[in-house]
Amino acid sequence: MWSNSEILAAIGIYLLMLDLQNTGKLGRGKNKVSKAEIIRNARENALSQRSRGSIEYYLCNISHCRKLHNLEIVKGYLPMANCSKELLSFHQNWVKEN
């Protein structure tokens, strides 16, 4: 089970990727940031107890939450329909506040 701080960190990572995607700065190449680099950084900090695969799967769960609200998703993170009640709640609160 993911802690509240891990859920918030994962949502923050997702929103960072989405912002970079929308500005054309997500990907490989000069002046771009890769998803792998973002996940590596997260594993060295807030998500140090999670594997790369676990984080990526969780990001797919966040895509599911966003799809439920007809919001844009990060390309490459296809929605997975088995997200936790905690993640749904955190995401719904974020949607209300933003």
Protein backbone atom coordinates (compact mmCIF):
# COMPACT_ATOMS: atom_id res chain seq x y z
CA MET A 1 0.00 0.00 0.00
CA TRP A 2 1.28 3.42 -0.91
CA SER A 3 1.59 6.05 1.83
CA ASN A 4 -0.03 9.47 1.49
CA SER A 5 3.36 11.07 0.89
CA GLU A 6 4.15 8.53 -1.85
CA ILE A 7 0.77 9.14 -3.51
CA LEU A 8 1.35 12.90 -3.49
CA ALA A 9 4.88 12.43 -4.86
CA ALA A 10 3.59 10.19 -7.67
CA ILE A 11 0.88 12.71 -8.59
CA GLY A 12 3.53 15.45 -8.59
CA ILE A 13 5.76 13.39 -10.90
CA TYR A 14 2.82 12.73 -13.20
CA LEU A 15 1.91 16.41 -13.40
CA LEU A 16 5.55 17.32 -14.07
CA MET A 17 5.63 14.83 -16.95
CA LEU A 18 2.34 16.17 -18.28
CA ASP A 19 3.65 19.75 -18.18
CA LEU A 20 6.85 18.73 -19.94
CA GLN A 21 4.82 16.78 -22.52
CA ASN A 22 2.62 19.80 -23.21
CA THR A 23 5.63 22.07 -23.70
CA GLY A 24 7.46 19.60 -25.93
CA LYS A 25 10.19 19.02 -23.37
CA LEU A 26 9.44 15.41 -22.44
CA GLY A 27 11.37 12.77 -24.32
CA ARG A 28 14.85 12.15 -25.57
CA GLY A 29 17.19 14.62 -27.14
CA LYS A 30 18.74 17.98 -26.55
CA ASN A 31 16.95 20.16 -23.99
CA LYS A 32 14.48 17.36 -23.16
CA VAL A 33 13.86 15.39 -20.00
CA SER A 34 13.15 11.67 -20.20
CA LYS A 35 10.55 9.82 -18.14
CA ALA A 36 13.31 7.46 -16.99
CA GLU A 37 15.32 10.40 -15.66
CA ILE A 38 12.31 11.69 -13.70
CA ILE A 39 11.64 8.26 -12.23
CA ARG A 40 15.33 7.79 -11.34
CA ASN A 41 15.25 11.09 -9.47
CA ALA A 42 12.05 10.09 -7.66
CA ARG A 43 13.62 6.77 -6.62
CA GLU A 44 16.53 8.68 -5.12
CA ASN A 45 14.13 10.86 -3.13
CA ALA A 46 10.43 10.57 -2.23
CA LEU A 47 9.87 7.14 -3.79
CA SER A 48 13.07 5.45 -2.66
CA GLN A 49 11.21 2.38 -1.39
CA ARG A 50 9.55 1.73 -4.78
CA SER A 51 10.91 -0.05 -7.83
CA ARG A 52 10.90 1.53 -11.26
CA GLY A 53 8.20 -0.90 -12.39
CA SER A 54 6.04 -0.14 -9.37
CA ILE A 55 6.25 3.59 -10.02
CA GLU A 56 5.47 3.19 -13.71
CA TYR A 57 2.46 0.99 -12.93
CA TYR A 58 1.24 3.57 -10.42
CA LEU A 59 1.56 6.29 -13.05
CA CYS A 60 -0.74 4.16 -15.23
CA ASN A 61 -3.21 4.12 -12.33
CA ILE A 62 -3.05 7.93 -12.25
CA SER A 63 -3.86 7.90 -15.98
CA HIS A 64 -6.99 5.92 -15.10
CA CYS A 65 -8.04 8.57 -12.56
CA ARG A 66 -7.48 11.32 -15.09
CA LYS A 67 -9.41 9.44 -17.77
CA LEU A 68 -12.38 9.18 -15.37
CA HIS A 69 -12.40 13.01 -15.31
CA ASN A 70 -11.82 13.35 -19.06
CA LEU A 71 -8.40 14.88 -18.45
CA GLU A 72 -5.30 14.56 -20.58
CA ILE A 73 -2.90 11.72 -19.79
CA VAL A 74 0.84 11.28 -20.18
CA LYS A 75 1.55 9.40 -23.40
CA GLY A 76 2.92 5.95 -22.72
CA TYR A 77 1.12 5.48 -19.41
CA LEU A 78 -2.04 3.67 -20.46
CA PRO A 79 -4.87 3.70 -17.90
CA MET A 80 -5.01 0.71 -15.54
CA ALA A 81 -8.39 0.23 -13.92
CA ASN A 82 -7.27 -1.04 -10.55
CA CYS A 83 -6.38 2.11 -8.66
CA SER A 84 -6.78 2.37 -4.93
CA LYS A 85 -9.48 4.32 -3.13
CA GLU A 86 -6.73 6.53 -1.70
CA LEU A 87 -5.42 7.47 -5.13
CA LEU A 88 -8.91 8.16 -6.44
CA SER A 89 -9.60 10.36 -3.42
CA PHE A 90 -6.32 12.29 -3.73
CA HIS A 91 -6.87 12.83 -7.44
CA GLN A 92 -10.50 13.92 -7.00
CA ASN A 93 -9.37 16.48 -4.41
CA TRP A 94 -6.68 17.74 -6.79
CA VAL A 95 -9.25 18.10 -9.59
CA LYS A 96 -11.54 20.11 -7.29
CA GLU A 97 -8.71 22.42 -6.23
CA ASN A 98 -7.38 22.99 -9.72
